[in-house]
Amino acid sequence: MAPKDAIVAGSAKFPKPADRVFQYGTAGFRMKATLLDSVVYRVGLLAALRSKKLNGFTVGVMITASHNPPDDNGVKLVDPMGDMLESSWEAHATVLANAASDQALFEAYDKLHEDLKIKPDVQARVIYARDTRASGPRLVTALVEALQATNTEYTDYKILTTPQLHYLTRCLNTKGTPHAYGEPNEQAYYEKTAKAFRGAMSGRKANGAVTVDCANGVGGPKLRELIKYLPSASEGGVEIRIVNDDVVQPQRLNHQCGADYVKTGQRAPPSSHAAPLARCASFDGDADRIVYYFIDSENTFRLLDGDRIATLAALFIGDLVKSAGLAERLKIGVVQTAYANGASTDYITQNLKLPVVCTNTGVKHLHHAAAKFDVGVYFEANGHGTVLFSDSALKRLGKHEPQSPAQNTALQTLRSLVQLINQTVGDALSDLLLVEVILAHKGWGPHEWDSTYTDLPNRLVRVEVADRNIFQAVDAERKLEYPVGVQAQIDALVGKYTHGRAFARASGTEDAVRVYAEAATRGEADDLA
């Protein structure tokens, strides 16, 4: 069957809902799973085009809806180095998803083929995986139909966390090169992570167990698998207690658990049963976010979110770089969004003496800004983030000759961190181990970590709107340009509060506006929001 006939025939099996307009956003496409079949088919076509455009490098497709309810699902593309789809291609995804008919879809596909000067004889290669949602297998069927229609070579990695698919995509595309990232299989991911964790701990003892809430998502079985490779607490590892890892009942996904529940509600999951001062962490549904928290000695909930993880990582890595004798040769920076608590920004700039860059919300923006430093630390407040080491930083770490045993110890720990951290994207599994390594080295519990600075009280409110697209922000999303006049009203309100700061921005995934406010007291922050 000719490609046109195959594409049109495949599309006919997954008709586009007539009354829907789709938009590829920060998280790809995400919505009720019943609306996604045509979208996933068309994303499969785009994945084939993307791979061909990149001379046959492997492109990833992940079917997941992260922290959304169980009846939702989503799909997004992963570029060859494991990072997000190049932003200029988001518009192409939107065009294909909205083609009104099977014939119109082929015409849009053919036009892209021509406009992008894609060579027809290049073999396209795609890998894909999904999370534990009940709709996943059905949506995979639509994806495979598109890959077959375009004669694409494909591999099904079954159920993975989103960061694992990003990792495997980079591994496949760097295999056999000087930048080889690892063997492209799931077991090798666990082996590399566990070996690096053992090296980074370097004889330090963890301070008690950590309880991890896996949001009843894919992170549960994958963390259990990772633990098989890790040293036990008695062998110099850490005791990890898992809660909320039920993937047999799909409706329990993200229900009263998970990183978004904890961050948004400022409370522990009912199932955590954590003792006061015990370390707790929560993943989101696809395990690319993590937040920590604990109950203090006065029985008060204390959140240790992405800002806290970023400051902890920047503090530790900054100290290691100095101890290794590399302070003058490696530039460390921290990247945040407008959602970062103002107190964390002050701590980084005034206490750690490190530069801070503020970008638009969305991992792709933070990732690109972090890549401009030798060592770039980025985390969104929601717990999504990682640490990037530039090529020049890796060369310096590889060639540096320590001048003392202390320098050598710091250097070896840094080298282990490079292997431990998943640099393709935020990864709850590796970020969990990163935090545990740092706390073990510092001899800290969650209280000591929390005491590094005092957060300004803040409030995040979600407001449903008819059309999110009328809300247009500038200045790293800290100011609203449209609708005209709204920013002036926000500024007038902010001026009434001590240490007041507030902004409103459109959601990247739904028709809603998110309003963030912080001020000197809890009451003022709530009033301002």
Protein backbone atom coordinates (compact mmCIF):
# COMPACT_ATOMS: atom_id res chain seq x y z
CA MET A 1 0.00 0.00 0.00
CA ALA A 2 1.33 3.45 -0.93
CA PRO A 3 2.07 5.78 2.01
CA LYS A 4 -0.88 8.03 1.13
CA ASP A 5 -3.33 5.13 1.07
CA ALA A 6 -1.88 3.69 4.28
CA ILE A 7 -1.99 7.05 6.12
CA VAL A 8 -5.56 7.81 5.03
CA ALA A 9 -6.74 4.26 5.81
CA GLY A 10 -5.08 4.36 9.22
CA SER A 11 -6.56 7.75 10.03
CA ALA A 12 -10.05 6.47 9.19
CA LYS A 13 -9.78 4.05 12.12
CA PHE A 14 -9.26 6.94 14.54
CA PRO A 15 -11.61 9.76 13.50
CA LYS A 16 -11.01 13.22 14.92
CA PRO A 17 -13.78 14.49 17.26
CA ALA A 18 -15.51 17.13 15.13
CA ASP A 19 -15.97 19.78 17.82
CA ARG A 20 -12.48 19.68 19.32
CA VAL A 21 -9.46 21.94 18.81
CA PHE A 22 -6.18 20.47 20.06
CA GLN A 23 -3.01 22.30 21.08
CA TYR A 24 0.43 20.83 21.77
CA GLY A 25 1.53 22.48 25.02
CA THR A 26 4.20 22.20 27.69
CA ALA A 27 3.15 18.62 28.43
CA GLY A 28 2.36 17.64 24.85
CA PHE A 29 -1.31 16.81 24.32
CA ARG A 30 -3.24 15.99 27.49
CA MET A 31 -6.99 15.50 27.97
CA LYS A 32 -9.71 12.92 28.56
CA ALA A 33 -8.38 9.64 27.17
CA THR A 34 -11.56 9.09 25.12
CA LEU A 35 -10.64 12.09 22.95
CA LEU A 36 -7.06 11.07 22.27
CA ASP A 37 -7.12 8.25 19.68
CA SER A 38 -6.90 10.51 16.62
CA VAL A 39 -4.33 12.71 18.34
CA VAL A 40 -2.01 9.79 19.15
CA TYR A 41 -2.27 8.48 15.58
CA ARG A 42 -1.24 11.90 14.26
CA VAL A 43 1.59 12.23 16.80
CA GLY A 44 2.87 8.92 15.40
CA LEU A 45 3.01 10.51 11.95
CA LEU A 46 4.89 13.49 13.36
CA ALA A 47 7.35 11.23 15.20
CA ALA A 48 8.19 9.56 11.89
CA LEU A 49 8.71 12.96 10.22
CA ARG A 50 10.86 14.17 13.12
CA SER A 51 13.10 11.11 12.95
CA LYS A 52 13.50 11.44 9.18
CA LYS A 53 14.29 15.15 9.50
CA LEU A 54 17.03 14.23 11.98
CA ASN A 55 18.59 11.70 9.58
CA GLY A 56 17.08 8.63 11.20
CA PHE A 57 17.96 9.37 14.83
CA THR A 58 15.52 7.69 17.21
CA VAL A 59 12.63 9.78 18.54
CA GLY A 60 10.65 8.83 21.66
CA VAL A 61 6.89 8.88 22.20
CA MET A 62 5.54 8.78 25.76
CA ILE A 63 1.87 8.11 26.52
CA THR A 64 1.12 9.55 29.96
CA ALA A 65 -0.86 12.24 31.74
CA SER A 66 1.40 12.57 34.77
CA HIS A 67 -0.52 13.99 37.76
CA ASN A 68 -3.88 14.21 35.95
CA PRO A 69 -6.88 12.08 37.01
CA PRO A 70 -6.98 8.41 35.92
CA ASP A 71 -9.48 9.01 33.09
CA ASP A 72 -7.13 11.45 31.37
CA ASN A 73 -4.15 10.55 29.23
CA GLY A 74 -1.65 12.34 27.05
CA VAL A 75 1.12 11.98 24.51
CA LYS A 76 4.39 13.82 23.95
CA LEU A 77 7.49 13.51 21.82
CA VAL A 78 11.07 13.14 23.03
CA ASP A 79 13.95 14.45 20.91
CA PRO A 80 17.07 12.32 20.26
CA MET A 81 19.16 13.63 23.19
CA GLY A 82 16.30 12.89 25.56
CA ASP A 83 15.06 16.44 25.82
CA MET A 84 11.67 17.90 24.97
CA LEU A 85 10.48 18.24 21.37
CA GLU A 86 12.06 21.29 19.72
CA SER A 87 9.56 24.09 20.29
CA SER A 88 9.25 25.02 16.60
CA TRP A 89 7.76 21.56 16.00
CA GLU A 90 4.94 22.05 18.51
CA ALA A 91 3.04 24.00 15.84
CA HIS A 92 3.43 21.08 13.41
CA ALA A 93 1.92 18.74 16.01
CA THR A 94 -1.00 21.12 16.45
CA VAL A 95 -1.59 21.35 12.68
CA LEU A 96 -1.70 17.57 12.23
CA ALA A 97 -3.91 17.05 15.29
CA ASN A 98 -6.50 19.50 13.97
CA ALA A 99 -6.70 18.33 10.34
CA ALA A 100 -10.46 18.08 9.74
CA SER A 101 -10.54 14.88 7.65
CA ASP A 102 -8.39 11.89 6.71
CA GLN A 103 -7.61 13.48 3.35
CA ALA A 104 -6.83 16.85 4.98
CA LEU A 105 -4.50 15.03 7.37
CA PHE A 106 -2.51 13.48 4.55
CA GLU A 107 -2.31 16.85 2.78
CA ALA A 108 -0.99 18.47 5.99
CA TYR A 109 1.50 15.61 6.44
CA ASP A 110 2.63 15.86 2.81
CA LYS A 111 3.01 19.66 3.09
CA LEU A 112 5.19 19.27 6.19
CA HIS A 113 7.24 16.64 4.36
CA GLU A 114 7.85 19.13 1.57
CA ASP A 115 8.23 22.34 3.64
CA LEU A 116 10.72 20.72 6.01
CA LYS A 117 12.70 19.26 3.07
CA ILE A 118 12.54 15.77 4.52
CA LYS A 119 14.39 13.11 2.54
CA PRO A 120 12.00 10.28 1.68
CA ASP A 121 14.68 7.56 1.68
CA VAL A 122 15.73 8.12 5.34
CA GLN A 123 14.56 5.32 7.66
CA ALA A 124 12.50 6.67 10.58
CA ARG A 125 13.04 5.15 14.06
CA VAL A 126 10.76 5.54 17.07
CA ILE A 127 10.59 4.04 20.55
CA TYR A 128 7.59 4.38 22.82
CA ALA A 129 6.32 3.57 26.29
CA ARG A 130 3.31 4.30 28.49
CA ASP A 131 2.38 4.68 32.13
CA THR A 132 -0.07 2.44 34.01
CA ARG A 133 -3.35 4.09 32.92
CA ALA A 134 -6.06 1.74 31.68
CA SER A 135 -6.34 3.66 28.37
CA GLY A 136 -2.65 3.17 27.53
CA PRO A 137 -2.86 -0.07 25.53
CA ARG A 138 -5.70 1.30 23.36
CA LEU A 139 -3.76 4.46 22.56
CA VAL A 140 -0.65 2.42 21.73
CA THR A 141 -2.74 0.72 19.03
CA ALA A 142 -3.33 4.10 17.37
CA LEU A 143 0.37 4.97 17.61
CA VAL A 144 1.50 1.68 16.07
CA GLU A 145 -0.96 2.12 13.19
CA ALA A 146 0.74 5.43 12.30
CA LEU A 147 4.24 3.98 12.61
CA GLN A 148 3.32 1.09 10.32
CA ALA A 149 1.67 3.42 7.81
CA THR A 150 4.93 5.38 7.55
CA ASN A 151 7.18 2.26 7.44
CA THR A 152 8.87 3.35 10.67
CA GLU A 153 11.12 1.02 12.65
CA TYR A 154 9.75 0.96 16.19
CA THR A 155 10.34 -0.63 19.59
CA ASP A 156 7.77 -0.96 22.36
CA TYR A 157 9.37 -0.47 25.80
CA LYS A 158 6.01 -1.28 27.47
CA ILE A 159 5.48 0.42 30.84
CA LEU A 160 8.14 2.94 31.92
CA THR A 161 8.41 6.16 33.86
CA THR A 162 8.59 9.19 31.58
CA PRO A 163 12.25 9.91 32.57
CA GLN A 164 13.22 6.32 31.74
CA LEU A 165 11.96 6.79 28.17
CA HIS A 166 13.90 10.07 27.89
CA TYR A 167 17.00 8.26 29.20
CA LEU A 168 16.66 5.33 26.78
CA THR A 169 16.16 7.71 23.85
CA ARG A 170 19.49 9.38 24.58
CA CYS A 171 21.20 6.03 25.16
CA LEU A 172 20.09 4.73 21.75
CA ASN A 173 21.24 7.86 19.94
CA THR A 174 24.64 8.12 21.65
CA LYS A 175 25.59 4.43 21.66
CA GLY A 176 29.04 3.90 20.15
CA THR A 177 29.95 7.61 20.34
CA PRO A 178 32.26 9.48 22.76
CA HIS A 179 29.08 10.78 24.44
CA ALA A 180 27.58 7.32 25.07
CA TYR A 181 25.05 7.71 27.89
CA GLY A 182 24.54 4.06 28.78
CA GLU A 183 23.16 0.78 27.49
CA PRO A 184 19.67 1.31 26.04
CA ASN A 185 17.65 -1.01 28.27
CA GLU A 186 15.75 -0.71 31.53
CA GLN A 187 18.03 -2.99 33.54
CA ALA A 188 21.09 -0.94 32.58
CA TYR A 189 19.29 2.19 33.86
CA TYR A 190 18.97 0.56 37.30
CA GLU A 191 22.55 -0.74 37.25
CA LYS A 192 24.04 2.64 36.30
CA THR A 193 21.93 4.49 38.88
CA ALA A 194 22.72 2.05 41.70
CA LYS A 195 26.46 2.02 40.98
CA ALA A 196 26.57 5.82 40.96
CA PHE A 197 24.56 5.99 44.20
CA ARG A 198 26.98 3.64 45.91
CA GLY A 199 29.93 5.76 44.73
CA ALA A 200 28.29 9.04 45.74
CA MET A 201 27.44 7.80 49.25
CA SER A 202 31.13 6.91 49.69
CA GLY A 203 30.71 5.39 53.13
CA ARG A 204 28.25 7.97 54.54
CA LYS A 205 25.33 6.69 56.64
CA ALA A 206 21.74 7.64 55.93
CA ASN A 207 19.84 9.14 58.86
CA GLY A 208 16.90 6.71 59.15
CA ALA A 209 14.41 5.60 56.50
CA VAL A 210 12.61 7.62 53.82
CA THR A 211 8.93 6.92 53.08
CA VAL A 212 8.07 7.35 49.39
CA ASP A 213 4.51 7.88 48.12
CA CYS A 214 4.43 6.68 44.49
CA ALA A 215 1.02 8.20 43.62
CA ASN A 216 -0.30 4.70 42.76
CA GLY A 217 1.48 5.21 39.45
CA VAL A 218 4.32 3.74 37.42
CA GLY A 219 6.92 5.01 39.91
CA GLY A 220 5.86 2.30 42.38
CA PRO A 221 6.91 -0.81 40.49
CA LYS A 222 9.95 0.96 39.03
CA LEU A 223 11.19 2.09 42.46
CA ARG A 224 10.71 -1.46 43.76
CA GLU A 225 12.82 -2.68 40.84
CA LEU A 226 15.52 -0.07 41.47
CA ILE A 227 15.73 -1.05 45.16
CA LYS A 228 16.81 -4.56 44.11
CA TYR A 229 20.03 -3.01 42.74
CA LEU A 230 20.70 -0.58 45.61
CA PRO A 231 22.77 -1.36 48.71
CA SER A 232 20.66 -1.96 51.81
CA ALA A 233 20.87 0.44 54.75
CA SER A 234 23.29 -1.92 56.50
CA GLU A 235 25.47 -1.98 53.35
CA GLY A 236 25.74 1.80 53.20
CA GLY A 237 22.50 2.54 51.37
CA VAL A 238 19.19 3.90 52.61
CA GLU A 239 15.99 2.19 53.76
CA ILE A 240 13.19 3.13 51.35
CA ARG A 241 9.63 2.44 52.51
CA ILE A 242 7.09 2.52 49.69
CA VAL A 243 3.44 3.57 50.04
CA ASN A 244 0.77 4.16 47.39
CA ASP A 245 2.10 1.75 44.77
CA ASP A 246 -1.20 0.14 43.74
CA VAL A 247 -1.19 -0.04 39.94
CA VAL A 248 -3.73 -2.89 39.79
CA GLN A 249 -6.67 -0.53 40.42
CA PRO A 250 -6.19 2.29 37.87
CA GLN A 251 -8.74 4.58 39.56
CA ARG A 252 -6.42 4.98 42.55
CA LEU A 253 -3.81 6.81 40.45
CA ASN A 254 -3.11 10.25 41.99
CA HIS A 255 -6.11 9.87 44.34
CA GLN A 256 -5.29 11.62 47.63
CA CYS A 257 -1.60 11.07 46.98
CA GLY A 258 1.26 12.15 44.76
CA ALA A 259 3.46 15.23 44.44
CA ASP A 260 0.72 17.48 43.05
CA TYR A 261 -1.68 16.55 45.89
CA VAL A 262 1.01 17.34 48.48
CA LYS A 263 2.25 20.55 46.85
CA THR A 264 -1.18 21.98 46.07
CA GLY A 265 -2.88 20.94 49.31
CA GLN A 266 0.14 21.57 51.55
CA ARG A 267 -0.58 18.32 53.35
CA ALA A 268 0.73 14.75 53.53
CA PRO A 269 -1.19 11.91 51.85
CA PRO A 270 -3.52 10.25 54.41
CA SER A 271 -1.73 6.95 53.77
CA SER A 272 1.78 8.17 54.67
CA HIS A 273 1.38 7.62 58.46
CA ALA A 274 4.74 9.32 58.97
CA ALA A 275 6.12 9.88 62.44
CA PRO A 276 7.23 13.41 63.42
CA LEU A 277 10.56 14.42 61.82
CA ALA A 278 10.54 11.36 59.52
CA ARG A 279 11.58 12.02 55.89
CA CYS A 280 8.80 11.60 53.35
CA ALA A 281 8.72 12.09 49.58
CA SER A 282 6.01 11.96 46.93
CA PHE A 283 6.36 11.21 43.20
CA ASP A 284 3.80 12.27 40.63
CA GLY A 285 1.95 9.80 38.39
CA ASP A 286 4.73 9.31 35.82
CA ALA A 287 7.64 9.80 38.25
CA ASP A 288 9.21 12.91 36.76
CA ARG A 289 8.49 15.06 39.83
CA ILE A 290 9.37 14.70 43.50
CA VAL A 291 8.69 16.76 46.60
CA TYR A 292 9.80 16.05 50.17
CA TYR A 293 7.95 16.90 53.40
CA PHE A 294 7.83 16.09 57.09
CA ILE A 295 5.77 16.71 60.22
CA ASP A 296 7.76 18.90 62.64
CA SER A 297 7.99 18.56 66.44
CA GLU A 298 4.90 20.77 66.81
CA ASN A 299 2.91 18.45 64.51
CA THR A 300 2.95 21.00 61.66
CA PHE A 301 3.27 19.91 58.01
CA ARG A 302 6.46 21.22 56.36
CA LEU A 303 6.93 21.04 52.58
CA LEU A 304 10.37 20.69 50.98
CA ASP A 305 9.51 21.37 47.34
CA GLY A 306 11.48 21.86 44.13
CA ASP A 307 12.90 25.18 45.39
CA ARG A 308 14.28 23.36 48.43
CA ILE A 309 15.74 20.55 46.32
CA ALA A 310 17.39 23.10 44.01
CA THR A 311 18.96 25.02 46.89
CA LEU A 312 20.13 21.78 48.53
CA ALA A 313 21.72 20.55 45.29
CA ALA A 314 23.32 23.94 44.57
CA LEU A 315 24.73 24.13 48.11
CA PHE A 316 26.20 20.61 47.96
CA ILE A 317 27.58 20.78 44.42
CA GLY A 318 29.01 24.26 45.09
CA ASP A 319 30.82 22.92 48.16
CA LEU A 320 32.12 19.88 46.26
CA VAL A 321 33.43 22.03 43.40
CA LYS A 322 35.33 24.22 45.90
CA SER A 323 36.64 21.18 47.81
CA ALA A 324 37.83 19.60 44.55
CA GLY A 325 39.81 22.74 43.64
CA LEU A 326 37.60 23.59 40.68
CA ALA A 327 35.83 26.72 41.94
CA GLU A 328 37.59 29.00 39.44
CA ARG A 329 36.99 26.67 36.51
CA LEU A 330 33.31 25.71 36.78
CA LYS A 331 30.47 28.23 36.73
CA ILE A 332 27.43 27.03 38.68
CA GLY A 333 24.01 28.62 38.19
CA VAL A 334 20.43 28.02 39.33
CA VAL A 335 17.38 28.40 37.09
CA GLN A 336 13.91 29.08 38.54
CA THR A 337 10.47 30.19 37.41
CA ALA A 338 8.22 32.92 38.80
CA TYR A 339 6.69 30.23 41.06
CA ALA A 340 9.95 29.96 43.04
CA ASN A 341 9.56 31.30 46.56
CA GLY A 342 11.26 34.69 46.91
CA ALA A 343 13.11 33.47 50.01
CA SER A 344 14.79 30.69 47.99
CA THR A 345 16.01 33.18 45.40
CA ASP A 346 17.47 35.40 48.14
CA TYR A 347 19.19 32.39 49.75
CA ILE A 348 20.85 31.36 46.48
CA THR A 349 22.07 34.84 45.58
CA GLN A 350 22.98 36.12 49.06
CA ASN A 351 24.08 32.98 50.95
CA LEU A 352 25.34 30.66 48.21
CA LYS A 353 26.57 33.60 46.08
CA LEU A 354 25.35 31.91 42.90
CA PRO A 355 23.58 33.50 39.93
CA VAL A 356 19.85 32.88 39.42
CA VAL A 357 18.08 33.03 36.06
CA CYS A 358 14.26 33.25 35.88
CA THR A 359 12.53 31.70 32.84
CA ASN A 360 9.01 30.99 31.65
CA THR A 361 7.25 28.04 33.25
CA GLY A 362 7.86 24.72 31.50
CA VAL A 363 10.75 22.34 31.72
CA LYS A 364 12.01 23.11 28.21
CA HIS A 365 12.66 26.75 29.19
CA LEU A 366 14.52 25.86 32.39
CA HIS A 367 16.50 23.10 30.67
CA HIS A 368 17.77 25.41 27.93
CA ALA A 369 18.75 28.13 30.44
CA ALA A 370 20.53 25.60 32.69
CA ALA A 371 22.53 24.30 29.72
CA LYS A 372 24.28 27.69 29.48
CA PHE A 373 26.14 27.08 32.77
CA ASP A 374 28.97 24.61 33.36
CA VAL A 375 26.74 23.15 36.07
CA GLY A 376 23.11 24.22 35.79
CA VAL A 377 20.67 23.35 38.57
CA TYR A 378 16.98 23.72 37.70
CA PHE A 379 13.82 22.77 39.51
CA GLU A 380 10.31 24.03 39.23
CA ALA A 381 8.63 24.52 42.61
CA ASN A 382 6.41 21.53 41.75
CA GLY A 383 9.43 19.23 42.06
CA HIS A 384 10.34 18.76 38.39
CA GLY A 385 14.01 19.31 37.76
CA THR A 386 17.55 18.03 37.41
CA VAL A 387 21.18 19.14 37.19
CA LEU A 388 23.01 19.56 33.87
CA PHE A 389 26.77 19.24 33.40
CA SER A 390 28.12 20.81 30.21
CA ASP A 391 30.56 19.00 27.92
CA SER A 392 33.36 21.30 29.08
CA ALA A 393 32.48 20.59 32.72
CA LEU A 394 32.59 16.84 32.07
CA LYS A 395 36.02 17.21 30.43
CA ARG A 396 37.34 19.20 33.38
CA LEU A 397 35.98 16.68 35.87
CA GLY A 398 37.55 13.88 33.83
CA LYS A 399 40.99 15.49 33.46
CA HIS A 400 41.33 17.28 36.81
CA GLU A 401 44.21 16.02 38.92
CA PRO A 402 43.51 16.46 42.65
CA GLN A 403 46.27 17.96 44.78
CA SER A 404 45.26 16.31 48.07
CA PRO A 405 43.22 13.35 49.41
CA ALA A 406 40.41 15.77 50.31
CA GLN A 407 40.30 17.11 46.74
CA ASN A 408 40.27 13.55 45.42
CA THR A 409 37.31 12.58 47.66
CA ALA A 410 35.29 15.59 46.48
CA LEU A 411 36.20 14.91 42.86
CA GLN A 412 35.13 11.26 43.06
CA THR A 413 31.80 12.28 44.61
CA LEU A 414 31.23 14.81 41.81
CA ARG A 415 31.98 12.17 39.19
CA SER A 416 29.49 9.82 40.83
CA LEU A 417 26.83 12.56 40.88
CA VAL A 418 27.27 13.03 37.12
CA GLN A 419 26.34 9.36 36.66
CA LEU A 420 23.58 9.37 39.30
CA ILE A 421 21.64 12.36 37.94
CA ASN A 422 19.41 11.78 34.91
CA GLN A 423 20.43 14.80 32.84
CA THR A 424 17.83 14.28 30.12
CA VAL A 425 14.89 15.44 32.26
CA GLY A 426 13.61 15.60 35.85
CA ASP A 427 13.56 12.05 37.24
CA ALA A 428 11.95 11.32 40.60
CA LEU A 429 13.95 8.10 41.05
CA SER A 430 17.39 9.68 40.58
CA ASP A 431 16.39 12.95 42.30
CA LEU A 432 15.29 10.91 45.35
CA LEU A 433 18.71 9.30 45.53
CA LEU A 434 20.46 12.65 44.94
CA VAL A 435 18.68 14.18 47.95
CA GLU A 436 19.44 11.11 50.08
CA VAL A 437 23.14 11.33 49.15
CA ILE A 438 23.29 15.01 50.12
CA LEU A 439 21.47 14.56 53.42
CA ALA A 440 23.77 11.63 54.30
CA HIS A 441 26.89 13.71 53.54
CA LYS A 442 25.58 16.64 55.57
CA GLY A 443 24.29 14.48 58.42
CA TRP A 444 20.99 16.34 58.12
CA GLY A 445 17.42 15.34 58.73
CA PRO A 446 14.49 17.20 57.15
CA HIS A 447 14.41 19.78 59.97
CA GLU A 448 18.01 20.88 59.33
CA TRP A 449 17.31 21.07 55.60
CA ASP A 450 14.18 23.13 56.23
CA SER A 451 16.12 25.50 58.49
CA THR A 452 18.44 26.77 55.72
CA TYR A 453 15.96 29.60 55.05
CA THR A 454 12.35 30.52 55.86
CA ASP A 455 9.84 30.45 53.02
CA LEU A 456 7.54 33.41 52.53
CA PRO A 457 3.94 32.19 53.01
CA ASN A 458 2.36 31.64 49.60
CA ARG A 459 -0.85 30.54 47.94
CA LEU A 460 -1.52 29.04 44.51
CA VAL A 461 -5.08 29.28 43.20
CA ARG A 462 -6.57 27.78 40.04
CA VAL A 463 -9.30 29.82 38.31
CA GLU A 464 -11.27 28.28 35.44
CA VAL A 465 -11.70 30.55 32.41
CA ALA A 466 -13.50 30.28 29.08
CA ASP A 467 -10.35 30.81 26.99
CA ARG A 468 -6.85 30.62 28.48
CA ASN A 469 -5.31 32.07 25.31
CA ILE A 470 -6.46 35.66 26.05
CA PHE A 471 -4.10 35.75 29.05
CA GLN A 472 -0.67 36.62 27.65
CA ALA A 473 2.31 37.05 29.95
CA VAL A 474 5.74 38.68 29.55
CA ASP A 475 8.88 39.09 31.72
CA ALA A 476 9.30 35.33 32.38
CA GLU A 477 5.53 35.20 33.01
CA ARG A 478 5.74 37.60 35.93
CA LYS A 479 3.58 40.28 34.21
CA LEU A 480 0.32 40.08 32.21
CA GLU A 481 0.39 42.03 28.94
CA TYR A 482 -3.16 41.05 28.04
CA PRO A 483 -5.97 41.53 28.96
CA VAL A 484 -4.98 45.18 29.13
CA GLY A 485 -5.34 46.71 32.59
CA VAL A 486 -5.27 43.50 34.61
CA GLN A 487 -1.57 43.84 35.52
CA ALA A 488 -2.15 47.35 36.89
CA GLN A 489 -4.83 45.93 39.19
CA ILE A 490 -2.46 43.16 40.36
CA ASP A 491 0.31 45.72 41.02
CA ALA A 492 -2.07 47.89 43.06
CA LEU A 493 -3.04 44.92 45.23
CA VAL A 494 0.56 43.76 45.70
CA GLY A 495 1.55 47.20 46.94
CA LYS A 496 -0.74 46.82 49.95
CA TYR A 497 1.14 43.84 51.42
CA THR A 498 4.53 43.44 53.13
CA HIS A 499 6.95 41.47 50.89
CA GLY A 500 4.01 41.08 48.50
CA ARG A 501 4.47 39.43 45.13
CA ALA A 502 1.82 38.01 42.81
CA PHE A 503 1.29 37.03 39.20
CA ALA A 504 -1.28 35.26 37.02
CA ARG A 505 -0.53 33.04 34.03
CA ALA A 506 -2.53 30.79 31.75
CA SER A 507 -2.22 27.05 32.29
CA GLY A 508 -0.33 25.20 29.59
CA THR A 509 -2.68 22.22 29.68
CA GLU A 510 -6.26 23.39 30.45
CA ASP A 511 -8.61 26.40 30.29
CA ALA A 512 -7.57 27.83 33.61
CA VAL A 513 -5.43 30.64 35.01
CA ARG A 514 -3.05 29.97 37.89
CA VAL A 515 -2.67 32.78 40.41
CA TYR A 516 0.39 32.80 42.69
CA ALA A 517 0.75 35.11 45.68
CA GLU A 518 3.28 35.44 48.49
CA ALA A 519 3.55 37.87 51.40
CA ALA A 520 5.01 38.25 54.89
CA THR A 521 2.20 36.34 56.65
CA ARG A 522 -0.11 33.45 55.79
CA GLY A 523 -3.18 35.65 56.11
CA GLU A 524 -1.75 38.29 53.78
CA ALA A 525 -0.75 35.68 51.18
CA ASP A 526 -4.26 34.18 51.23
CA ASP A 527 -5.87 37.62 50.98
CA LEU A 528 -3.63 38.64 48.09
CA ALA A 529 -4.43 35.47 46.13
